[in-house]
Amino acid sequence: VLEQTRDLASQVNALGQLDAVIHNA
């Protein structure tokens, strides 16, 4: 679901800077 994917990005950004993302799904 595109809107849930967009929201997931917002959730991740709210947690702070990442070092890496593994696109596993």
PDB file of all heavy atoms in Angstrom:
ATOM      1  N   VAL A   1       0.859  -1.191   0.000  1.00  0.00           N
ATOM      2  CA  VAL A   1       0.000   0.000   0.000  1.00  0.00           C
ATOM      3  C   VAL A   1       0.892   1.237   0.000  1.00  0.00           C
ATOM      4  O   VAL A   1       1.640   1.472   0.954  1.00  0.00           O
ATOM      5  CB  VAL A   1      -0.929   0.008   1.233  1.00  0.00           C
ATOM      6  CG1 VAL A   1      -1.817   1.242   1.227  1.00  0.00           C
ATOM      7  CG2 VAL A   1      -1.760  -1.275   1.274  1.00  0.00           C
ATOM      8  N   LEU A   2       0.805   2.033  -1.046  1.00  0.00           N
ATOM      9  CA  LEU A   2       1.724   3.157  -1.219  1.00  0.00           C
ATOM     10  C   LEU A   2       1.691   4.118  -0.040  1.00  0.00           C
ATOM     11  O   LEU A   2       2.750   4.548   0.443  1.00  0.00           O
ATOM     12  CB  LEU A   2       1.386   3.900  -2.516  1.00  0.00           C
ATOM     13  CG  LEU A   2       2.224   5.145  -2.819  1.00  0.00           C
ATOM     14  CD1 LEU A   2       3.707   4.813  -2.909  1.00  0.00           C
ATOM     15  CD2 LEU A   2       1.732   5.793  -4.119  1.00  0.00           C
ATOM     16  N   GLU A   3       0.521   4.467   0.450  1.00  0.00           N
ATOM     17  CA  GLU A   3       0.438   5.437   1.547  1.00  0.00           C
ATOM     18  C   GLU A   3       1.075   4.894   2.821  1.00  0.00           C
ATOM     19  O   GLU A   3       1.687   5.640   3.586  1.00  0.00           O
ATOM     20  CB  GLU A   3      -1.013   5.843   1.802  1.00  0.00           C
ATOM     21  CG  GLU A   3      -1.570   6.759   0.724  1.00  0.00           C
ATOM     22  CD  GLU A   3      -0.664   7.960   0.458  1.00  0.00           C
ATOM     23  OE1 GLU A   3      -0.257   8.634   1.434  1.00  0.00           O
ATOM     24  OE2 GLU A   3      -0.342   8.222  -0.707  1.00  0.00           O
ATOM     25  N   GLN A   4       0.951   3.599   3.053  1.00  0.00           N
ATOM     26  CA  GLN A   4       1.603   3.018   4.229  1.00  0.00           C
ATOM     27  C   GLN A   4       3.123   3.003   4.064  1.00  0.00           C
ATOM     28  O   GLN A   4       3.860   3.187   5.043  1.00  0.00           O
ATOM     29  CB  GLN A   4       1.072   1.612   4.495  1.00  0.00           C
ATOM     30  CG  GLN A   4      -0.369   1.584   4.973  1.00  0.00           C
ATOM     31  CD  GLN A   4      -0.776   0.238   5.546  1.00  0.00           C
ATOM     32  OE1 GLN A   4       0.021  -0.438   6.205  1.00  0.00           O
ATOM     33  NE2 GLN A   4      -2.011  -0.153   5.310  1.00  0.00           N
ATOM     34  N   THR A   5       3.589   2.817   2.846  1.00  0.00           N
ATOM     35  CA  THR A   5       5.030   2.870   2.600  1.00  0.00           C
ATOM     36  C   THR A   5       5.560   4.273   2.843  1.00  0.00           C
ATOM     37  O   THR A   5       6.621   4.458   3.468  1.00  0.00           O
ATOM     38  CB  THR A   5       5.343   2.421   1.166  1.00  0.00           C
ATOM     39  OG1 THR A   5       4.814   1.106   0.953  1.00  0.00           O
ATOM     40  CG2 THR A   5       6.836   2.408   0.896  1.00  0.00           C
ATOM     41  N   ARG A   6       4.824   5.270   2.385  1.00  0.00           N
ATOM     42  CA  ARG A   6       5.232   6.660   2.636  1.00  0.00           C
ATOM     43  C   ARG A   6       5.250   6.950   4.139  1.00  0.00           C
ATOM     44  O   ARG A   6       6.177   7.595   4.643  1.00  0.00           O
ATOM     45  CB  ARG A   6       4.275   7.631   1.932  1.00  0.00           C
ATOM     46  CG  ARG A   6       4.321   7.561   0.416  1.00  0.00           C
ATOM     47  CD  ARG A   6       3.273   8.475  -0.202  1.00  0.00           C
ATOM     48  NE  ARG A   6       3.587   9.867   0.057  1.00  0.00           N
ATOM     49  CZ  ARG A   6       3.926  10.755  -0.875  1.00  0.00           C
ATOM     50  NH1 ARG A   6       4.014  10.385  -2.147  1.00  0.00           N
ATOM     51  NH2 ARG A   6       4.197  11.999  -0.553  1.00  0.00           N
ATOM     52  N   ASP A   7       4.251   6.457   4.842  1.00  0.00           N
ATOM     53  CA  ASP A   7       4.202   6.673   6.291  1.00  0.00           C
ATOM     54  C   ASP A   7       5.349   5.964   6.993  1.00  0.00           C
ATOM     55  O   ASP A   7       5.892   6.481   7.974  1.00  0.00           O
ATOM     56  CB  ASP A   7       2.858   6.184   6.836  1.00  0.00           C
ATOM     57  CG  ASP A   7       2.750   6.400   8.338  1.00  0.00           C
ATOM     58  OD1 ASP A   7       2.698   7.564   8.766  1.00  0.00           O
ATOM     59  OD2 ASP A   7       2.749   5.409   9.094  1.00  0.00           O
ATOM     60  N   LEU A   8       5.718   4.796   6.489  1.00  0.00           N
ATOM     61  CA  LEU A   8       6.841   4.078   7.084  1.00  0.00           C
ATOM     62  C   LEU A   8       8.123   4.903   6.996  1.00  0.00           C
ATOM     63  O   LEU A   8       8.912   4.959   7.949  1.00  0.00           O
ATOM     64  CB  LEU A   8       7.035   2.728   6.387  1.00  0.00           C
ATOM     65  CG  LEU A   8       8.198   1.866   6.882  1.00  0.00           C
ATOM     66  CD1 LEU A   8       8.036   1.497   8.353  1.00  0.00           C
ATOM     67  CD2 LEU A   8       8.332   0.598   6.018  1.00  0.00           C
ATOM     68  N   ALA A   9       8.334   5.556   5.874  1.00  0.00           N
ATOM     69  CA  ALA A   9       9.509   6.418   5.733  1.00  0.00           C
ATOM     70  C   ALA A   9       9.491   7.517   6.790  1.00  0.00           C
ATOM     71  O   ALA A   9      10.530   7.833   7.393  1.00  0.00           O
ATOM     72  CB  ALA A   9       9.559   7.021   4.333  1.00  0.00           C
ATOM     73  N   SER A  10       8.324   8.079   7.051  1.00  0.00           N
ATOM     74  CA  SER A  10       8.212   9.121   8.087  1.00  0.00           C
ATOM     75  C   SER A  10       8.518   8.551   9.466  1.00  0.00           C
ATOM     76  O   SER A  10       9.188   9.204  10.286  1.00  0.00           O
ATOM     77  CB  SER A  10       6.805   9.728   8.067  1.00  0.00           C
ATOM     78  OG  SER A  10       6.556  10.380   6.840  1.00  0.00           O
ATOM     79  N   GLN A  11       8.032   7.342   9.734  1.00  0.00           N
ATOM     80  CA  GLN A  11       8.321   6.697  11.021  1.00  0.00           C
ATOM     81  C   GLN A  11       9.826   6.490  11.203  1.00  0.00           C
ATOM     82  O   GLN A  11      10.374   6.725  12.279  1.00  0.00           O
ATOM     83  CB  GLN A  11       7.619   5.347  11.104  1.00  0.00           C
ATOM     84  CG  GLN A  11       6.101   5.385  11.159  1.00  0.00           C
ATOM     85  CD  GLN A  11       5.541   3.967  11.255  1.00  0.00           C
ATOM     86  OE1 GLN A  11       5.848   3.223  12.185  1.00  0.00           O
ATOM     87  NE2 GLN A  11       4.731   3.579  10.282  1.00  0.00           N
ATOM     88  N   VAL A  12      10.476   6.057  10.142  1.00  0.00           N
ATOM     89  CA  VAL A  12      11.923   5.820  10.216  1.00  0.00           C
ATOM     90  C   VAL A  12      12.661   7.135  10.443  1.00  0.00           C
ATOM     91  O   VAL A  12      13.554   7.228  11.300  1.00  0.00           O
ATOM     92  CB  VAL A  12      12.420   5.126   8.931  1.00  0.00           C
ATOM     93  CG1 VAL A  12      13.949   5.061   8.913  1.00  0.00           C
ATOM     94  CG2 VAL A  12      11.841   3.719   8.818  1.00  0.00           C
ATOM     95  N   ASN A  13      12.293   8.166   9.704  1.00  0.00           N
ATOM     96  CA  ASN A  13      12.971   9.455   9.846  1.00  0.00           C
ATOM     97  C   ASN A  13      12.809  10.030  11.246  1.00  0.00           C
ATOM     98  O   ASN A  13      13.711  10.698  11.763  1.00  0.00           O
ATOM     99  CB  ASN A  13      12.442  10.439   8.806  1.00  0.00           C
ATOM    100  CG  ASN A  13      12.954  10.136   7.407  1.00  0.00           C
ATOM    101  OD1 ASN A  13      14.021   9.543   7.238  1.00  0.00           O
ATOM    102  ND2 ASN A  13      12.198  10.525   6.399  1.00  0.00           N
ATOM    103  N   ALA A  14      11.674   9.758  11.871  1.00  0.00           N
ATOM    104  CA  ALA A  14      11.436  10.268  13.223  1.00  0.00           C
ATOM    105  C   ALA A  14      12.379   9.638  14.249  1.00  0.00           C
ATOM    106  O   ALA A  14      12.581  10.200  15.332  1.00  0.00           O
ATOM    107  CB  ALA A  14       9.983  10.012  13.630  1.00  0.00           C
ATOM    108  N   LEU A  15      12.962   8.489  13.908  1.00  0.00           N
ATOM    109  CA  LEU A  15      13.876   7.809  14.828  1.00  0.00           C
ATOM    110  C   LEU A  15      15.313   8.315  14.704  1.00  0.00           C
ATOM    111  O   LEU A  15      16.166   7.944  15.501  1.00  0.00           O
ATOM    112  CB  LEU A  15      13.837   6.299  14.582  1.00  0.00           C
ATOM    113  CG  LEU A  15      12.501   5.622  14.912  1.00  0.00           C
ATOM    114  CD1 LEU A  15      12.523   4.164  14.471  1.00  0.00           C
ATOM    115  CD2 LEU A  15      12.188   5.719  16.399  1.00  0.00           C
ATOM    116  N   GLY A  16      15.584   9.134  13.705  1.00  0.00           N
ATOM    117  CA  GLY A  16      16.920   9.693  13.554  1.00  0.00           C
ATOM    118  C   GLY A  16      17.690   9.103  12.393  1.00  0.00           C
ATOM    119  O   GLY A  16      17.215   8.201  11.694  1.00  0.00           O
ATOM    120  N   GLN A  17      18.868   9.624  12.184  1.00  0.00           N
ATOM    121  CA  GLN A  17      19.710   9.245  11.050  1.00  0.00           C
ATOM    122  C   GLN A  17      20.113   7.768  11.097  1.00  0.00           C
ATOM    123  O   GLN A  17      20.509   7.261  12.135  1.00  0.00           O
ATOM    124  CB  GLN A  17      20.972  10.110  11.035  1.00  0.00           C
ATOM    125  CG  GLN A  17      21.927   9.808   9.902  1.00  0.00           C
ATOM    126  CD  GLN A  17      21.380  10.184   8.543  1.00  0.00           C
ATOM    127  OE1 GLN A  17      20.845  11.274   8.365  1.00  0.00           O
ATOM    128  NE2 GLN A  17      21.465   9.274   7.587  1.00  0.00           N
ATOM    129  N   LEU A  18      20.013   7.120   9.952  1.00  0.00           N
ATOM    130  CA  LEU A  18      20.433   5.729   9.809  1.00  0.00           C
ATOM    131  C   LEU A  18      21.834   5.649   9.225  1.00  0.00           C
ATOM    132  O   LEU A  18      22.281   6.547   8.510  1.00  0.00           O
ATOM    133  CB  LEU A  18      19.485   4.981   8.873  1.00  0.00           C
ATOM    134  CG  LEU A  18      18.025   4.841   9.276  1.00  0.00           C
ATOM    135  CD1 LEU A  18      17.229   4.251   8.119  1.00  0.00           C
ATOM    136  CD2 LEU A  18      17.889   3.984  10.513  1.00  0.00           C
ATOM    137  N   ASP A  19      22.489   4.524   9.496  1.00  0.00           N
ATOM    138  CA  ASP A  19      23.736   4.205   8.811  1.00  0.00           C
ATOM    139  C   ASP A  19      23.488   3.338   7.581  1.00  0.00           C
ATOM    140  O   ASP A  19      24.233   3.432   6.596  1.00  0.00           O
ATOM    141  CB  ASP A  19      24.690   3.483   9.761  1.00  0.00           C
ATOM    142  CG  ASP A  19      25.140   4.392  10.894  1.00  0.00           C
ATOM    143  OD1 ASP A  19      25.854   5.369  10.624  1.00  0.00           O
ATOM    144  OD2 ASP A  19      24.753   4.126  12.049  1.00  0.00           O
ATOM    145  N   ALA A  20      22.467   2.478   7.639  1.00  0.00           N
ATOM    146  CA  ALA A  20      22.220   1.564   6.524  1.00  0.00           C
ATOM    147  C   ALA A  20      20.753   1.153   6.481  1.00  0.00           C
ATOM    148  O   ALA A  20      20.073   1.107   7.515  1.00  0.00           O
ATOM    149  CB  ALA A  20      23.101   0.325   6.643  1.00  0.00           C
ATOM    150  N   VAL A  21      20.289   0.849   5.280  1.00  0.00           N
ATOM    151  CA  VAL A  21      18.974   0.239   5.075  1.00  0.00           C
ATOM    152  C   VAL A  21      19.178  -1.035   4.271  1.00  0.00           C
ATOM    153  O   VAL A  21      19.870  -1.032   3.243  1.00  0.00           O
ATOM    154  CB  VAL A  21      18.009   1.174   4.320  1.00  0.00           C
ATOM    155  CG1 VAL A  21      16.682   0.455   4.058  1.00  0.00           C
ATOM    156  CG2 VAL A  21      17.767   2.458   5.093  1.00  0.00           C
ATOM    157  N   ILE A  22      18.586  -2.128   4.750  1.00  0.00           N
ATOM    158  CA  ILE A  22      18.559  -3.387   4.001  1.00  0.00           C
ATOM    159  C   ILE A  22      17.131  -3.576   3.490  1.00  0.00           C
ATOM    160  O   ILE A  22      16.204  -3.807   4.271  1.00  0.00           O
ATOM    161  CB  ILE A  22      18.981  -4.583   4.872  1.00  0.00           C
ATOM    162  CG1 ILE A  22      20.408  -4.387   5.394  1.00  0.00           C
ATOM    163  CG2 ILE A  22      18.878  -5.881   4.071  1.00  0.00           C
ATOM    164  CD1 ILE A  22      20.879  -5.471   6.361  1.00  0.00           C
ATOM    165  N   HIS A  23      16.961  -3.429   2.179  1.00  0.00           N
ATOM    166  CA  HIS A  23      15.642  -3.586   1.551  1.00  0.00           C
ATOM    167  C   HIS A  23      15.431  -5.076   1.298  1.00  0.00           C
ATOM    168  O   HIS A  23      15.719  -5.600   0.216  1.00  0.00           O
ATOM    169  CB  HIS A  23      15.572  -2.776   0.257  1.00  0.00           C
ATOM    170  CG  HIS A  23      15.612  -1.300   0.462  1.00  0.00           C
ATOM    171  ND1 HIS A  23      14.514  -0.587   0.891  1.00  0.00           N
ATOM    172  CD2 HIS A  23      16.620  -0.402   0.319  1.00  0.00           C
ATOM    173  CE1 HIS A  23      14.831   0.693   0.986  1.00  0.00           C
ATOM    174  NE2 HIS A  23      16.105   0.836   0.656  1.00  0.00           N
ATOM    175  N   ASN A  24      14.923  -5.751   2.311  1.00  0.00           N
ATOM    176  CA  ASN A  24      14.814  -7.208   2.303  1.00  0.00           C
ATOM    177  C   ASN A  24      13.426  -7.707   1.909  1.00  0.00           C
ATOM    178  O   ASN A  24      13.303  -8.790   1.335  1.00  0.00           O
ATOM    179  CB  ASN A  24      15.168  -7.731   3.692  1.00  0.00           C
ATOM    180  CG  ASN A  24      14.837  -9.191   3.871  1.00  0.00           C
ATOM    181  OD1 ASN A  24      15.596 -10.062   3.484  1.00  0.00           O
ATOM    182  ND2 ASN A  24      13.672  -9.465   4.467  1.00  0.00           N
ATOM    183  N   ALA A  25      12.371  -6.965   2.224  1.00  0.00           N
ATOM    184  CA  ALA A  25      10.998  -7.451   2.032  1.00  0.00           C
ATOM    185  C   ALA A  25      10.762  -7.854   0.580  1.00  0.00           C
ATOM    186  O   ALA A  25      11.182  -7.164  -0.355  1.00  0.00           O
ATOM    187  CB  ALA A  25       9.996  -6.378   2.446  1.00  0.00           C
TER     188      ALA A  25
END
